[in-house]
């Protein structure tokens, strides 16, 4: 079953995503869905990234609790691909 989400982006990021969708010939929804799927796949491949390999994840486990098992595919994010 599909879930609906609201995503708020700064104007410049929204413009970039819209331009990417147009360039790829995809809907905005499909562009965002693919980007999220790629991010999840990358995180699952490196479930405990170091600041040198993935600075965007620095400190994420301290803000939200330790959820590294989710990224290994045995937590709530696992399921049919």
N, C-alpha and C. Protein backbone atom coordinates (compact mmCIF):
# COMPACT_ATOMS: atom_id res chain seq x y z
N UNK A 1 0.83 -1.18 0.00
CA UNK A 1 0.00 0.00 0.00
C UNK A 1 0.88 1.25 0.00
N UNK A 2 0.57 2.20 -0.79
CA UNK A 2 1.33 3.45 -0.88
C UNK A 2 0.99 4.36 0.29
N UNK A 3 1.98 5.11 0.73
CA UNK A 3 1.83 6.10 1.80
C UNK A 3 2.03 7.48 1.22
N UNK A 4 1.30 8.44 1.73
CA UNK A 4 1.47 9.83 1.32
C UNK A 4 2.31 10.56 2.35
N UNK A 5 3.23 11.40 1.87
CA UNK A 5 4.09 12.21 2.72
C UNK A 5 4.08 13.64 2.21
N UNK A 6 4.33 14.56 3.11
CA UNK A 6 4.54 15.95 2.74
C UNK A 6 6.01 16.25 2.90
N UNK A 7 6.60 16.84 1.90
CA UNK A 7 8.02 17.16 1.93
C UNK A 7 8.18 18.65 1.73
N UNK A 8 8.80 19.30 2.70
CA UNK A 8 9.06 20.73 2.59
C UNK A 8 10.54 20.94 2.28
N UNK A 9 10.78 21.66 1.19
CA UNK A 9 12.15 21.94 0.76
C UNK A 9 12.34 23.44 0.62
N UNK A 10 13.55 23.91 0.86
CA UNK A 10 13.85 25.30 0.54
C UNK A 10 13.63 25.52 -0.97
N UNK A 11 13.33 26.75 -1.34
CA UNK A 11 13.03 27.06 -2.74
C UNK A 11 14.12 26.58 -3.70
N UNK A 12 15.39 26.77 -3.34
CA UNK A 12 16.45 26.39 -4.26
C UNK A 12 16.52 24.88 -4.45
N UNK A 13 16.31 24.11 -3.38
CA UNK A 13 16.31 22.64 -3.52
C UNK A 13 15.10 22.17 -4.31
N UNK A 14 13.95 22.78 -4.07
CA UNK A 14 12.75 22.41 -4.82
C UNK A 14 12.95 22.67 -6.31
N UNK A 15 13.57 23.79 -6.65
CA UNK A 15 13.84 24.12 -8.05
C UNK A 15 14.78 23.10 -8.69
N UNK A 16 15.79 22.68 -7.93
CA UNK A 16 16.73 21.68 -8.44
C UNK A 16 16.04 20.35 -8.69
N UNK A 17 15.17 19.93 -7.78
CA UNK A 17 14.47 18.65 -7.94
C UNK A 17 13.51 18.74 -9.13
N UNK A 18 12.83 19.86 -9.27
CA UNK A 18 11.93 20.03 -10.41
C UNK A 18 12.69 20.01 -11.72
N UNK A 19 13.85 20.66 -11.76
CA UNK A 19 14.66 20.66 -12.98
C UNK A 19 15.15 19.26 -13.31
N UNK A 20 15.55 18.52 -12.28
CA UNK A 20 15.99 17.14 -12.50
C UNK A 20 14.85 16.29 -13.05
N UNK A 21 13.66 16.43 -12.48
CA UNK A 21 12.50 15.67 -12.96
C UNK A 21 12.23 15.98 -14.43
N UNK A 22 12.27 17.25 -14.78
CA UNK A 22 12.04 17.63 -16.19
C UNK A 22 13.12 17.04 -17.09
N UNK A 23 14.37 17.13 -16.67
CA UNK A 23 15.49 16.64 -17.48
C UNK A 23 15.40 15.13 -17.68
N UNK A 24 14.94 14.42 -16.66
CA UNK A 24 14.83 12.96 -16.74
C UNK A 24 13.51 12.51 -17.37
N UNK A 25 12.59 13.45 -17.58
CA UNK A 25 11.29 13.10 -18.15
C UNK A 25 10.43 12.31 -17.17
N UNK A 26 10.60 12.60 -15.88
CA UNK A 26 9.86 11.89 -14.84
C UNK A 26 8.98 12.85 -14.07
N UNK A 27 8.00 12.30 -13.38
CA UNK A 27 7.20 13.13 -12.50
C UNK A 27 8.04 13.51 -11.29
N UNK A 28 7.63 14.55 -10.61
CA UNK A 28 8.32 14.96 -9.39
C UNK A 28 8.25 13.84 -8.35
N UNK A 29 7.11 13.20 -8.24
CA UNK A 29 6.94 12.09 -7.31
C UNK A 29 7.93 10.97 -7.61
N UNK A 30 8.06 10.58 -8.86
CA UNK A 30 8.97 9.49 -9.22
C UNK A 30 10.42 9.88 -9.01
N UNK A 31 10.75 11.13 -9.26
CA UNK A 31 12.12 11.61 -9.05
C UNK A 31 12.49 11.51 -7.58
N UNK A 32 11.63 11.97 -6.71
CA UNK A 32 11.89 11.93 -5.26
C UNK A 32 11.90 10.48 -4.78
N UNK A 33 10.97 9.66 -5.26
CA UNK A 33 10.92 8.26 -4.85
C UNK A 33 12.22 7.54 -5.21
N UNK A 34 12.72 7.77 -6.43
CA UNK A 34 13.97 7.13 -6.85
C UNK A 34 15.16 7.62 -6.02
N UNK A 35 15.20 8.91 -5.73
CA UNK A 35 16.30 9.45 -4.92
C UNK A 35 16.29 8.84 -3.52
N UNK A 36 15.12 8.69 -2.94
CA UNK A 36 15.03 8.07 -1.62
C UNK A 36 15.42 6.60 -1.67
N UNK A 37 15.00 5.89 -2.70
CA UNK A 37 15.36 4.49 -2.84
C UNK A 37 16.88 4.33 -2.97
N UNK A 38 17.52 5.22 -3.73
CA UNK A 38 18.98 5.19 -3.87
C UNK A 38 19.66 5.49 -2.54
N UNK A 39 19.14 6.44 -1.77
CA UNK A 39 19.73 6.78 -0.48
C UNK A 39 19.62 5.62 0.50
N UNK A 40 18.48 4.96 0.51
CA UNK A 40 18.29 3.80 1.40
C UNK A 40 19.22 2.67 0.98
N UNK A 41 19.33 2.41 -0.31
CA UNK A 41 20.22 1.34 -0.79
C UNK A 41 21.67 1.64 -0.42
N UNK A 42 22.09 2.89 -0.57
CA UNK A 42 23.46 3.26 -0.22
C UNK A 42 23.70 3.10 1.27
N UNK A 43 22.74 3.46 2.08
CA UNK A 43 22.90 3.33 3.53
C UNK A 43 22.92 1.87 3.94
N UNK A 44 22.10 1.04 3.30
CA UNK A 44 22.11 -0.39 3.62
C UNK A 44 23.45 -1.02 3.24
N UNK A 45 24.06 -0.53 2.18
CA UNK A 45 25.36 -1.06 1.75
C UNK A 45 26.47 -0.65 2.72
N UNK A 46 26.28 0.45 3.43
CA UNK A 46 27.25 0.95 4.41
C UNK A 46 26.48 1.32 5.67
N UNK A 47 26.02 0.31 6.44
CA UNK A 47 25.10 0.57 7.55
C UNK A 47 25.68 1.42 8.67
N UNK A 48 26.98 1.49 8.79
CA UNK A 48 27.59 2.32 9.83
C UNK A 48 28.63 3.23 9.19
N UNK A 49 28.14 4.21 8.43
CA UNK A 49 29.08 5.09 7.73
C UNK A 49 29.92 5.89 8.71
N UNK A 50 31.12 6.19 8.28
CA UNK A 50 32.00 7.03 9.08
C UNK A 50 31.89 8.45 8.56
N UNK A 51 32.25 9.43 9.38
CA UNK A 51 32.17 10.81 8.89
C UNK A 51 32.96 11.03 7.61
N UNK A 52 34.04 10.28 7.41
CA UNK A 52 34.82 10.47 6.18
C UNK A 52 34.13 9.88 4.96
N UNK A 53 33.30 8.82 5.15
CA UNK A 53 32.64 8.22 3.99
C UNK A 53 31.26 8.83 3.73
N UNK A 54 30.61 9.33 4.77
CA UNK A 54 29.27 9.89 4.60
C UNK A 54 29.03 11.01 5.61
N UNK A 55 29.56 12.19 5.35
CA UNK A 55 29.42 13.26 6.33
C UNK A 55 27.97 13.65 6.60
N UNK A 56 27.07 13.39 5.65
CA UNK A 56 25.67 13.76 5.87
C UNK A 56 25.01 12.93 6.97
N UNK A 57 25.60 11.80 7.34
CA UNK A 57 25.02 10.98 8.38
C UNK A 57 25.68 11.23 9.73
N UNK A 58 26.64 12.13 9.80
CA UNK A 58 27.35 12.37 11.04
C UNK A 58 26.37 12.77 12.13
N UNK A 59 26.37 12.01 13.22
CA UNK A 59 25.54 12.32 14.37
C UNK A 59 24.10 11.91 14.22
N UNK A 60 23.70 11.28 13.13
CA UNK A 60 22.29 10.96 12.95
C UNK A 60 21.79 9.97 13.99
N UNK A 61 22.64 9.03 14.42
CA UNK A 61 22.17 8.05 15.39
C UNK A 61 21.97 8.68 16.76
N UNK A 62 22.66 9.77 17.07
CA UNK A 62 22.48 10.40 18.37
C UNK A 62 21.22 11.24 18.41
N UNK A 63 20.76 11.71 17.28
CA UNK A 63 19.53 12.51 17.27
C UNK A 63 18.29 11.64 17.29
N UNK A 64 18.33 10.48 16.69
CA UNK A 64 17.13 9.68 16.54
C UNK A 64 17.21 8.35 17.26
N UNK A 65 18.25 8.11 18.02
CA UNK A 65 18.43 6.81 18.64
C UNK A 65 19.22 5.93 17.69
N UNK A 66 19.74 4.83 18.18
CA UNK A 66 20.54 3.95 17.34
C UNK A 66 19.61 3.11 16.48
N UNK A 67 19.59 3.40 15.19
CA UNK A 67 18.70 2.68 14.28
C UNK A 67 19.50 1.99 13.20
N UNK A 68 20.76 1.66 13.47
CA UNK A 68 21.59 1.08 12.44
C UNK A 68 21.05 -0.25 11.94
N UNK A 69 20.35 -1.01 12.77
CA UNK A 69 19.78 -2.28 12.31
C UNK A 69 18.76 -2.07 11.20
N UNK A 70 18.05 -0.94 11.23
CA UNK A 70 17.07 -0.66 10.19
C UNK A 70 17.72 -0.63 8.81
N UNK A 71 18.96 -0.14 8.74
CA UNK A 71 19.63 0.02 7.46
C UNK A 71 20.27 -1.26 6.99
N UNK A 72 20.35 -2.26 7.85
CA UNK A 72 20.92 -3.53 7.42
C UNK A 72 19.88 -4.40 6.72
N UNK A 73 18.64 -3.97 6.72
CA UNK A 73 17.59 -4.75 6.07
C UNK A 73 16.85 -5.67 7.00
N UNK A 74 17.11 -5.58 8.32
CA UNK A 74 16.38 -6.46 9.24
C UNK A 74 15.49 -5.65 10.18
N UNK A 75 15.27 -4.38 9.85
CA UNK A 75 14.42 -3.53 10.66
C UNK A 75 13.18 -3.16 9.88
N UNK A 76 12.49 -2.10 10.31
CA UNK A 76 11.24 -1.71 9.67
C UNK A 76 11.38 -1.29 8.21
N UNK A 77 12.60 -0.96 7.78
CA UNK A 77 12.77 -0.58 6.37
C UNK A 77 12.91 -1.79 5.45
N UNK A 78 13.02 -2.99 6.04
CA UNK A 78 13.16 -4.16 5.18
C UNK A 78 11.81 -4.52 4.60
N UNK A 79 11.82 -5.27 3.57
CA UNK A 79 10.59 -5.69 2.93
C UNK A 79 10.86 -5.99 1.48
N UNK A 80 9.80 -6.26 0.73
CA UNK A 80 9.99 -6.58 -0.68
C UNK A 80 10.61 -5.40 -1.41
N UNK A 81 11.57 -5.68 -2.26
CA UNK A 81 12.23 -4.61 -3.02
C UNK A 81 11.49 -4.31 -4.29
